[in-house]
C-alpha atoms as a PDB file:
ATOM      1  CA  UNK A   1     166.875 187.098 -11.127  1.00  0.00           C
ATOM      2  CA  UNK A   2     169.519 184.765  -9.624  1.00  0.00           C
ATOM      3  CA  UNK A   3     167.946 181.710 -11.211  1.00  0.00           C
ATOM      4  CA  UNK A   4     167.977 183.365 -14.632  1.00  0.00           C
ATOM      5  CA  UNK A   5     171.641 184.139 -14.159  1.00  0.00           C
ATOM      6  CA  UNK A   6     172.363 180.512 -13.346  1.00  0.00           C
ATOM      7  CA  UNK A   7     173.354 181.172  -9.762  1.00  0.00           C
ATOM      8  CA  UNK A   8     170.344 179.747  -7.904  1.00  0.00           C
ATOM      9  CA  UNK A   9     167.826 176.935  -8.010  1.00  0.00           C
ATOM     10  CA  UNK A  10     164.241 177.799  -7.393  1.00  0.00           C
ATOM     11  CA  UNK A  11     161.878 175.135  -6.212  1.00  0.00           C
ATOM     12  CA  UNK A  12     158.123 175.409  -6.029  1.00  0.00           C
ATOM     13  CA  UNK A  13     156.846 175.125  -2.445  1.00  0.00           C
ATOM     14  CA  UNK A  14     154.931 171.939  -3.319  1.00  0.00           C
ATOM     15  CA  UNK A  15     158.222 170.308  -4.391  1.00  0.00           C
ATOM     16  CA  UNK A  16     160.206 171.613  -1.435  1.00  0.00           C
ATOM     17  CA  UNK A  17     160.495 168.336   0.496  1.00  0.00           C
ATOM     18  CA  UNK A  18     163.368 166.851   2.482  1.00  0.00           C
ATOM     19  CA  UNK A  19     163.867 164.241  -0.225  1.00  0.00           C
ATOM     20  CA  UNK A  20     163.909 166.781  -3.023  1.00  0.00           C
ATOM     21  CA  UNK A  21     166.305 169.097  -1.199  1.00  0.00           C
ATOM     22  CA  UNK A  22     168.573 166.150  -0.394  1.00  0.00           C
ATOM     23  CA  UNK A  23     168.533 165.102  -4.085  1.00  0.00           C
ATOM     24  CA  UNK A  24     169.431 168.650  -5.226  1.00  0.00           C
ATOM     25  CA  UNK A  25     172.302 168.796  -2.707  1.00  0.00           C
ATOM     26  CA  UNK A  26     173.579 165.394  -3.822  1.00  0.00           C
ATOM     27  CA  UNK A  27     173.333 166.470  -7.500  1.00  0.00           C
ATOM     28  CA  UNK A  28     175.311 169.612  -6.851  1.00  0.00           C
ATOM     29  CA  UNK A  29     177.841 167.845  -4.652  1.00  0.00           C
ATOM     30  CA  UNK A  30     178.489 165.452  -7.488  1.00  0.00           C
ATOM     31  CA  UNK A  31     179.160 168.325  -9.887  1.00  0.00           C
ATOM     32  CA  UNK A  32     181.635 170.724  -8.283  1.00  0.00           C
ATOM     33  CA  UNK A  33     182.110 172.494 -11.600  1.00  0.00           C
ATOM     34  CA  UNK A  34     178.435 173.389 -11.540  1.00  0.00           C
ATOM     35  CA  UNK A  35     178.885 174.954  -8.071  1.00  0.00           C
ATOM     36  CA  UNK A  36     181.830 176.942  -9.394  1.00  0.00           C
ATOM     37  CA  UNK A  37     179.758 178.205 -12.314  1.00  0.00           C
ATOM     38  CA  UNK A  38     176.868 179.090  -9.998  1.00  0.00           C
ATOM     39  CA  UNK A  39     179.210 180.980  -7.644  1.00  0.00           C
ATOM     40  CA  UNK A  40     180.706 182.960 -10.534  1.00  0.00           C
ATOM     41  CA  UNK A  41     177.222 183.790 -11.787  1.00  0.00           C
ATOM     42  CA  UNK A  42     176.167 184.954  -8.321  1.00  0.00           C
ATOM     43  CA  UNK A  43     179.187 187.198  -7.995  1.00  0.00           C
ATOM     44  CA  UNK A  44     178.224 188.816 -11.323  1.00  0.00           C
ATOM     45  CA  UNK A  45     174.749 189.683  -9.957  1.00  0.00           C
ATOM     46  CA  UNK A  46     175.652 191.549  -6.867  1.00  0.00           C
ATOM     47  CA  UNK A  47     177.675 194.390  -5.508  1.00  0.00           C
ATOM     48  CA  UNK A  48     180.455 192.671  -3.663  1.00  0.00           C
ATOM     49  CA  UNK A  49     181.064 195.560  -1.284  1.00  0.00           C
ATOM     50  CA  UNK A  50     177.375 196.487  -0.921  1.00  0.00           C
ATOM     51  CA  UNK A  51     177.305 196.101   2.838  1.00  0.00           C
ATOM     52  CA  UNK A  52     180.368 198.322   3.221  1.00  0.00           C
ATOM     53  CA  UNK A  53     178.840 200.967   0.882  1.00  0.00           C
ATOM     54  CA  UNK A  54     175.620 200.919   2.891  1.00  0.00           C
ATOM     55  CA  UNK A  55     177.432 201.243   6.214  1.00  0.00           C
ATOM     56  CA  UNK A  56     179.463 204.217   4.840  1.00  0.00           C
ATOM     57  CA  UNK A  57     176.248 205.881   3.665  1.00  0.00           C
ATOM     58  CA  UNK A  58     174.601 205.420   7.027  1.00  0.00           C
ATOM     59  CA  UNK A  59     177.629 206.783   8.849  1.00  0.00           C
ATOM     60  CA  UNK A  60     177.729 209.847   6.578  1.00  0.00           C
ATOM     61  CA  UNK A  61     174.052 210.473   7.223  1.00  0.00           C
ATOM     62  CA  UNK A  62     174.611 210.189  10.998  1.00  0.00           C
ATOM     63  CA  UNK A  63     177.477 212.642  10.767  1.00  0.00           C
ATOM     64  CA  UNK A  64     175.347 215.095   8.733  1.00  0.00           C
ATOM     65  CA  UNK A  65     172.524 214.736  11.270  1.00  0.00           C
ATOM     66  CA  UNK A  66     174.913 215.483  14.111  1.00  0.00           C
ATOM     67  CA  UNK A  67     176.137 218.613  12.389  1.00  0.00           C
ATOM     68  CA  UNK A  68     172.627 220.016  11.829  1.00  0.00           C
END
């Protein structure tokens, strides 16, 4: 999902070597505009306040349980 959105790089396990990872990091470091695009694409895929929403839901459930 994230790769299709342009916000992640997926690497097959067989290609996941220190040299390959270093090359990908160097490629991205040389293209800060690509990192900016990837970050924007990632933000578009998630719920930015998801952790807060989940915590609120859990707390409401705890409160309901305490009232029962």
